[in-house]
């Protein structure tokens, strides 16, 4: 499904479904970043109040965790949105969507 870390391939390797028909966009990235950011800031504040570690511990812990959580979450969120668009035959406003097995 993916050609890079979070970039979709042009077509499915198994069934040939054209992924370029779907407009996933950056919607999942905005929501995911806000949600993960809120959770991780809350955890960082809790750690600071509970144990008061040095600043380098926060950097060593939270920067890689944030990057991994966002990248893994983006793959899941983008795939889920593409699946939802496929199942609901979503398309651009004002156009008639093609059937899933028809070529555009």
Protein backbone atom coordinates (compact mmCIF):
# COMPACT_ATOMS: atom_id res chain seq x y z
CA UNK A 1 0.00 0.00 0.00
CA UNK A 2 2.85 2.38 0.80
CA UNK A 3 5.80 3.28 -1.40
CA UNK A 4 7.69 5.19 1.27
CA UNK A 5 7.26 5.88 4.97
CA UNK A 6 3.89 7.60 4.54
CA UNK A 7 3.67 7.96 0.73
CA UNK A 8 1.12 5.80 -1.09
CA UNK A 9 2.23 3.67 -4.02
CA UNK A 10 0.57 4.35 -7.37
CA UNK A 11 -1.17 0.97 -7.49
CA UNK A 12 -1.78 -2.02 -5.23
CA UNK A 13 0.78 -4.73 -5.88
CA UNK A 14 -1.77 -7.49 -5.28
CA UNK A 15 -4.93 -6.34 -7.08
CA UNK A 16 -3.86 -3.34 -9.18
CA UNK A 17 -6.20 -0.83 -7.47
CA UNK A 18 -5.22 2.71 -8.52
CA UNK A 19 -4.50 4.68 -5.32
CA UNK A 20 -4.16 7.96 -7.22
CA UNK A 21 -7.98 8.12 -7.48
CA UNK A 22 -8.26 8.74 -3.75
CA UNK A 23 -7.68 12.11 -2.12
CA UNK A 24 -6.44 11.35 1.38
CA UNK A 25 -4.54 14.64 1.68
CA UNK A 26 -3.08 15.96 4.92
CA UNK A 27 -6.22 15.79 7.06
CA UNK A 28 -4.99 12.87 9.15
CA UNK A 29 -1.67 14.61 9.78
CA UNK A 30 -3.23 17.65 11.43
CA UNK A 31 -5.48 15.72 13.79
CA UNK A 32 -2.84 13.12 14.57
CA UNK A 33 -0.20 15.72 15.38
CA UNK A 34 -2.55 17.54 17.74
CA UNK A 35 -3.66 14.37 19.51
CA UNK A 36 -0.18 12.88 19.86
CA UNK A 37 1.22 16.26 20.89
CA UNK A 38 -1.38 16.65 23.65
CA UNK A 39 -0.77 13.14 24.98
CA UNK A 40 3.01 13.44 24.94
CA UNK A 41 3.03 16.91 26.51
CA UNK A 42 0.82 15.55 29.28
CA UNK A 43 3.20 12.65 29.83
CA UNK A 44 6.23 14.96 29.78
CA UNK A 45 4.62 17.23 32.37
CA UNK A 46 3.76 14.24 34.55
CA UNK A 47 7.37 12.98 34.33
CA UNK A 48 8.73 16.42 35.18
CA UNK A 49 6.50 16.79 38.24
CA UNK A 50 6.96 13.21 39.44
CA UNK A 51 10.71 12.76 38.97
CA UNK A 52 12.22 16.09 37.82
CA UNK A 53 14.77 14.53 35.43
CA UNK A 54 17.42 16.66 33.69
CA UNK A 55 16.47 18.34 30.42
CA UNK A 56 18.56 15.93 28.33
CA UNK A 57 16.42 13.03 29.56
CA UNK A 58 13.32 14.77 28.21
CA UNK A 59 15.01 15.31 24.84
CA UNK A 60 16.30 11.76 24.69
CA UNK A 61 12.88 10.36 25.53
CA UNK A 62 10.28 12.60 23.89
CA UNK A 63 11.81 13.57 20.54
CA UNK A 64 12.23 10.01 19.20
CA UNK A 65 8.93 8.93 20.75
CA UNK A 66 7.12 11.82 19.05
CA UNK A 67 8.65 11.09 15.65
CA UNK A 68 7.87 7.37 15.86
CA UNK A 69 4.32 7.94 17.10
CA UNK A 70 3.52 10.44 14.34
CA UNK A 71 4.99 8.33 11.54
CA UNK A 72 3.34 5.11 12.70
CA UNK A 73 0.07 6.90 13.34
CA UNK A 74 0.15 8.54 9.91
CA UNK A 75 0.45 5.20 8.17
CA UNK A 76 -2.53 3.85 10.11
CA UNK A 77 -4.65 7.00 9.71
CA UNK A 78 -3.95 7.43 5.99
CA UNK A 79 -4.66 3.77 5.29
CA UNK A 80 -7.91 3.93 7.28
CA UNK A 81 -9.03 7.04 5.39
CA UNK A 82 -8.21 5.44 2.02
CA UNK A 83 -10.19 2.34 3.01
CA UNK A 84 -13.13 4.50 4.08
CA UNK A 85 -13.06 6.40 0.78
CA UNK A 86 -12.95 3.12 -1.17
CA UNK A 87 -15.82 1.52 0.77
CA UNK A 88 -18.02 4.63 0.53
CA UNK A 89 -17.13 5.28 -3.13
CA UNK A 90 -16.08 8.81 -2.22
CA UNK A 91 -15.17 11.28 -4.94
CA UNK A 92 -14.77 14.95 -5.66
CA UNK A 93 -17.88 17.09 -5.09
CA UNK A 94 -20.10 17.31 -8.15
CA UNK A 95 -18.75 14.20 -9.86
CA UNK A 96 -20.17 10.72 -10.12
CA UNK A 97 -17.72 8.22 -8.59
CA UNK A 98 -16.62 5.29 -10.72
CA UNK A 99 -17.34 1.80 -9.50
CA UNK A 100 -14.37 0.32 -7.58
CA UNK A 101 -13.57 -2.18 -10.33
CA UNK A 102 -13.95 0.25 -13.25
CA UNK A 103 -10.98 2.06 -14.70
CA UNK A 104 -11.34 5.87 -14.70
